Protein backbone atom coordinates (compact mmCIF):
# COMPACT_ATOMS: atom_id res chain seq x y z
CA UNK A 1 -16.80 65.11 -41.81
CA UNK A 2 -19.84 65.49 -44.01
CA UNK A 3 -22.89 63.70 -42.58
CA UNK A 4 -24.49 61.04 -44.78
CA UNK A 5 -27.16 58.42 -44.16
CA UNK A 6 -24.75 55.74 -45.40
CA UNK A 7 -22.29 56.47 -42.60
CA UNK A 8 -25.12 56.29 -40.06
CA UNK A 9 -26.15 52.84 -41.28
CA UNK A 10 -22.55 51.62 -41.00
CA UNK A 11 -22.31 52.94 -37.45
CA UNK A 12 -25.55 51.20 -36.45
CA UNK A 13 -24.39 47.89 -37.94
CA UNK A 14 -21.02 48.16 -36.19
CA UNK A 15 -22.69 48.96 -32.85
CA UNK A 16 -25.02 45.99 -33.19
CA UNK A 17 -22.09 43.70 -33.97
CA UNK A 18 -20.17 44.92 -30.93
CA UNK A 19 -23.20 44.36 -28.67
CA UNK A 20 -23.62 40.78 -29.91
CA UNK A 21 -19.90 40.09 -29.48
CA UNK A 22 -19.92 41.53 -25.96
CA UNK A 23 -22.92 39.39 -25.03
CA UNK A 24 -21.19 36.27 -26.35
CA UNK A 25 -18.02 36.98 -24.38
CA UNK A 26 -20.05 37.72 -21.27
CA UNK A 27 -21.93 34.42 -21.53
CA UNK A 28 -18.66 32.51 -21.88
CA UNK A 29 -16.71 34.26 -19.12
CA UNK A 30 -17.57 35.92 -15.85
CA UNK A 31 -21.34 36.09 -16.41
CA UNK A 32 -21.82 32.33 -16.29
CA UNK A 33 -20.26 28.90 -16.73
CA UNK A 34 -19.60 28.03 -20.40
CA UNK A 35 -21.19 24.86 -21.72
CA UNK A 36 -18.73 22.04 -22.34
CA UNK A 37 -18.22 20.52 -25.76
CA UNK A 38 -18.37 16.84 -24.84
CA UNK A 39 -17.10 15.85 -28.28
CA UNK A 40 -13.66 17.12 -27.34
CA UNK A 41 -11.16 14.87 -25.50
CA UNK A 42 -10.91 15.67 -21.81
CA UNK A 43 -14.25 17.50 -21.73
CA UNK A 44 -16.06 14.97 -19.56
CA UNK A 45 -18.62 16.19 -17.06
CA UNK A 46 -17.12 16.35 -13.58
CA UNK A 47 -19.62 15.16 -11.01
CA UNK A 48 -19.37 15.41 -7.23
CA UNK A 49 -21.53 12.78 -5.48
CA UNK A 50 -22.28 13.96 -1.94
CA UNK A 51 -23.05 11.30 0.69
CA UNK A 52 -23.27 11.16 4.48
CA UNK A 53 -25.91 11.20 7.21
CA UNK A 54 -27.83 8.17 5.96
CA UNK A 55 -26.83 4.55 5.44
CA UNK A 56 -27.02 3.06 1.95
CA UNK A 57 -25.58 0.18 -0.06
CA UNK A 58 -22.45 1.82 -1.37
CA UNK A 59 -21.29 -0.43 -4.20
CA UNK A 60 -24.70 -0.96 -5.91
CA UNK A 61 -25.46 2.77 -5.67
CA UNK A 62 -22.25 3.88 -7.37
CA UNK A 63 -22.88 1.63 -10.35
CA UNK A 64 -25.33 4.38 -11.37
CA UNK A 65 -22.40 6.53 -12.48
CA UNK A 66 -20.31 3.87 -14.19
CA UNK A 67 -20.17 2.90 -17.85
CA UNK A 68 -20.42 6.39 -19.34
CA UNK A 69 -17.67 7.92 -21.46
CA UNK A 70 -18.79 11.48 -20.71
CA UNK A 71 -19.24 11.29 -16.92
CA UNK A 72 -16.47 11.13 -14.32
CA UNK A 73 -17.39 11.22 -10.64
CA UNK A 74 -15.84 11.67 -7.21
CA UNK A 75 -17.53 10.87 -3.90
CA UNK A 76 -17.55 13.48 -1.14
CA UNK A 77 -18.50 11.67 2.07
CA UNK A 78 -19.38 14.44 4.49
CA UNK A 79 -17.76 14.31 7.93
CA UNK A 80 -19.16 17.46 9.53
CA UNK A 81 -22.37 17.78 7.49
CA UNK A 82 -21.42 20.43 4.89
CA UNK A 83 -17.64 20.94 4.69
CA UNK A 84 -17.55 20.84 0.87
CA UNK A 85 -19.03 24.34 0.88
CA UNK A 86 -16.50 25.87 3.28
CA UNK A 87 -14.16 27.02 0.49
CA UNK A 88 -15.34 27.04 -3.13
CA UNK A 89 -12.49 29.10 -4.59
CA UNK A 90 -11.09 26.09 -6.49
CA UNK A 91 -14.44 24.54 -7.44
CA UNK A 92 -14.09 22.37 -10.52
CA UNK A 93 -17.32 20.34 -10.71
CA UNK A 94 -20.10 20.76 -13.26
CA UNK A 95 -22.78 18.89 -11.31
CA UNK A 96 -23.48 18.03 -7.67
CA UNK A 97 -25.43 14.82 -7.04
CA UNK A 98 -26.89 14.94 -3.54
CA UNK A 99 -27.45 11.62 -1.76
CA UNK A 100 -26.82 12.82 1.78
CA UNK A 101 -29.12 13.54 4.71
CA UNK A 102 -26.88 15.81 6.76
CA UNK A 103 -28.18 18.79 8.73
CA UNK A 104 -25.68 21.41 9.89
CA UNK A 105 -24.69 24.14 7.46
CA UNK A 106 -23.27 27.49 8.55
CA UNK A 107 -24.29 30.83 7.06
CA UNK A 108 -21.01 30.99 5.12
CA UNK A 109 -21.56 27.53 3.65
CA UNK A 110 -25.16 28.37 2.81
CA UNK A 111 -24.01 31.39 0.82
CA UNK A 112 -21.31 29.38 -0.97
CA UNK A 113 -23.81 26.65 -1.82
CA UNK A 114 -26.26 29.21 -3.22
CA UNK A 115 -23.53 30.96 -5.21
CA UNK A 116 -22.44 27.73 -6.91
CA UNK A 117 -25.95 26.88 -8.06
CA UNK A 118 -26.87 30.44 -9.03
CA UNK A 119 -23.69 30.62 -11.11
CA UNK A 120 -24.71 27.53 -13.06
CA UNK A 121 -23.50 24.40 -11.25
CA UNK A 122 -26.10 21.72 -11.90
CA UNK A 123 -27.89 19.80 -9.14
CA UNK A 124 -29.28 16.27 -9.21
CA UNK A 125 -31.01 15.47 -5.92
CA UNK A 126 -31.87 11.87 -5.10
CA UNK A 127 -34.21 10.21 -2.61
CA UNK A 128 -33.29 10.83 1.05
CA UNK A 129 -31.49 14.13 0.45
CA UNK A 130 -35.03 15.55 0.82
CA UNK A 131 -34.40 15.18 4.54
CA UNK A 132 -31.22 17.30 4.63
CA UNK A 133 -30.78 20.78 6.12
CA UNK A 134 -34.18 20.85 7.87
CA UNK A 135 -33.52 24.18 9.58
CA UNK A 136 -32.44 25.99 6.40
CA UNK A 137 -35.56 27.31 4.59
CA UNK A 138 -33.66 28.10 1.37
CA UNK A 139 -32.80 24.44 0.76
CA UNK A 140 -36.34 23.52 -0.29
CA UNK A 141 -36.25 26.44 -2.74
CA UNK A 142 -33.14 24.96 -4.33
CA UNK A 143 -34.16 21.29 -4.67
CA UNK A 144 -37.94 21.80 -4.68
CA UNK A 145 -39.03 19.51 -1.86
CA UNK A 146 -38.52 18.51 1.77
CA UNK A 147 -39.12 15.35 3.79
CA UNK A 148 -40.26 16.71 7.14
CA UNK A 149 -38.49 14.79 9.88
CA UNK A 150 -40.89 16.26 12.44
CA UNK A 151 -43.88 18.55 12.68
CA UNK A 152 -42.84 22.12 12.09
CA UNK A 153 -43.97 25.56 11.06
CA UNK A 154 -42.12 27.68 8.51
CA UNK A 155 -43.36 30.95 7.09
CA UNK A 156 -46.70 30.51 8.81
CA UNK A 157 -47.23 27.11 7.16
CA UNK A 158 -47.65 24.07 9.40
CA UNK A 159 -46.02 20.88 8.16
CA UNK A 160 -46.94 17.40 9.33
CA UNK A 161 -44.18 14.89 9.93
CA UNK A 162 -43.57 12.96 6.71
CA UNK A 163 -43.92 9.17 6.55
CA UNK A 164 -42.23 6.41 4.59
CA UNK A 165 -42.81 2.80 3.66
CA UNK A 166 -40.04 0.42 2.69
CA UNK A 167 -40.52 -2.37 0.18
CA UNK A 168 -43.42 -0.89 -1.76
CA UNK A 169 -44.19 -1.95 -5.32
CA UNK A 170 -45.47 0.88 -7.48
CA UNK A 171 -45.57 2.35 -10.96
CA UNK A 172 -43.54 5.40 -11.91
CA UNK A 173 -45.64 7.30 -14.44
CA UNK A 174 -43.90 9.55 -16.96
CA UNK A 175 -45.90 12.80 -16.95
CA UNK A 176 -43.76 14.78 -19.39
CA UNK A 177 -42.63 12.63 -22.29
CA UNK A 178 -41.11 15.61 -24.14
CA UNK A 179 -38.56 16.75 -21.56
CA UNK A 180 -34.92 15.76 -22.35
CA UNK A 181 -34.69 13.72 -19.13
CA UNK A 182 -37.82 11.64 -19.74
CA UNK A 183 -38.20 11.81 -23.52
CA UNK A 184 -39.07 8.42 -25.01
CA UNK A 185 -39.27 6.65 -21.66
CA UNK A 186 -42.26 4.51 -20.71
CA UNK A 187 -43.85 4.02 -17.29
CA UNK A 188 -41.92 1.51 -15.21
CA UNK A 189 -42.32 -0.59 -12.08
CA UNK A 190 -40.10 -0.30 -9.01
CA UNK A 191 -39.71 -1.99 -5.64
CA UNK A 192 -38.64 0.91 -3.47
CA UNK A 193 -39.28 3.15 -0.50
CA UNK A 194 -42.12 5.67 -0.64
CA UNK A 195 -42.42 9.09 1.00
CA UNK A 196 -45.66 10.79 1.97
CA UNK A 197 -46.71 14.15 3.48
CA UNK A 198 -43.65 15.90 2.11
CA UNK A 199 -43.53 19.61 1.27
CA UNK A 200 -43.15 20.77 -2.33
CA UNK A 201 -42.47 24.04 -4.12
CA UNK A 202 -45.39 25.11 -6.30
CA UNK A 203 -43.25 25.99 -9.31
CA UNK A 204 -41.73 22.52 -9.78
CA UNK A 205 -42.15 21.20 -13.31
CA UNK A 206 -43.33 17.62 -12.81
CA UNK A 207 -41.72 14.83 -14.81
CA UNK A 208 -42.90 11.73 -12.92
CA UNK A 209 -45.76 10.80 -10.59
CA UNK A 210 -47.35 7.79 -8.92
CA UNK A 211 -50.78 6.91 -7.54
CA UNK A 212 -49.57 4.58 -4.78
CA UNK A 213 -51.55 5.28 -1.57
CA UNK A 214 -48.42 5.33 0.61
CA UNK A 215 -46.65 7.88 -1.55
CA UNK A 216 -47.03 11.51 -2.46
CA UNK A 217 -48.03 11.92 -6.09
CA UNK A 218 -44.87 13.85 -6.98
CA UNK A 219 -41.89 11.59 -7.80
CA UNK A 220 -39.64 13.73 -9.98
CA UNK A 221 -39.35 17.28 -11.21
CA UNK A 222 -37.07 19.94 -12.59
CA UNK A 223 -36.65 23.58 -11.60
CA UNK A 224 -34.13 26.38 -11.79
CA UNK A 225 -32.28 28.34 -9.16
CA UNK A 226 -30.52 31.34 -10.62
CA UNK A 227 -28.58 29.94 -13.60
CA UNK A 228 -28.54 26.49 -12.02
CA UNK A 229 -30.66 23.64 -13.39
CA UNK A 230 -32.04 21.26 -10.76
CA UNK A 231 -33.57 17.79 -11.09
CA UNK A 232 -35.04 15.84 -8.20
CA UNK A 233 -35.84 12.10 -8.35
CA UNK A 234 -37.57 10.70 -5.27
CA UNK A 235 -36.99 6.99 -5.95
CA UNK A 236 -33.58 5.51 -5.20
CA UNK A 237 -33.54 3.56 -1.94
CA UNK A 238 -31.92 0.26 -2.85
CA UNK A 239 -30.14 -2.05 -5.31
CA UNK A 240 -33.24 -3.18 -7.21
CA UNK A 241 -33.85 0.42 -8.30
CA UNK A 242 -30.18 1.10 -9.11
CA UNK A 243 -30.23 -1.90 -11.46
CA UNK A 244 -33.40 -0.75 -13.23
CA UNK A 245 -32.44 0.31 -16.79
CA UNK A 246 -34.97 3.15 -16.90
CA UNK A 247 -33.87 4.54 -13.56
CA UNK A 248 -30.25 4.43 -14.69
CA UNK A 249 -31.19 6.39 -17.80
CA UNK A 250 -33.01 8.96 -15.70
CA UNK A 251 -30.00 9.61 -13.47
CA UNK A 252 -27.53 9.86 -16.37
CA UNK A 253 -29.84 12.12 -18.34
CA UNK A 254 -30.45 14.30 -15.28
CA UNK A 255 -26.69 14.79 -14.88
CA UNK A 256 -26.24 15.77 -18.52
CA UNK A 257 -29.28 18.05 -18.54
CA UNK A 258 -28.37 19.89 -15.34
CA UNK A 259 -24.82 20.46 -16.60
CA UNK A 260 -25.90 22.02 -19.90
């Protein structure tokens, strides 16, 4: 075949097209979880709400997930602290909402948990789940914070025991008004439980803060773990918060954002 510049240009264009097509197929198949088109029937977000290890008012809490056409949820009440991560071969949930405070998690379950999030399963972590899995250092790297149940030392860093105060009245300040979770929301008042002297990851992107003296400044943030999108919201102790319209918006938006 006689060489011409025209043939070379055609070859380059074809190669570029094939690379783009391969990248698209990769993003939609084994390389990650494809985004759902929520405009299609049956494409609701599937949410697993994990509870256990801490008492809470069940019925008021679960109203947080009701009334949405695009969200369907199932509760997983843990019996032996972490059994949902024993076998993830048939995993079919887009988002995990953590509201547990369980502790034991085997090495196998740790790896399965990490794989799910790194592969793109979203995480919404609420309130007392900061106290879960105290002896697993990777957990704080996933959710971005830890309530220290006792004094400890990890990685050469000494941690004081965290404290809490029930029935505090304080203002939740929206720090980032441009993020999809908090966009357009105004500061709001809550009657809730505060946490103080917690540990936080330095690369959290803060969404919400408070200046209450019995609380840490950080109240809510987002972060990533592999391909997984993670949102943590520290408030969420009781019915008065669950009924707060702004808090309800935050939780629903966090679920949608982390699933995208």
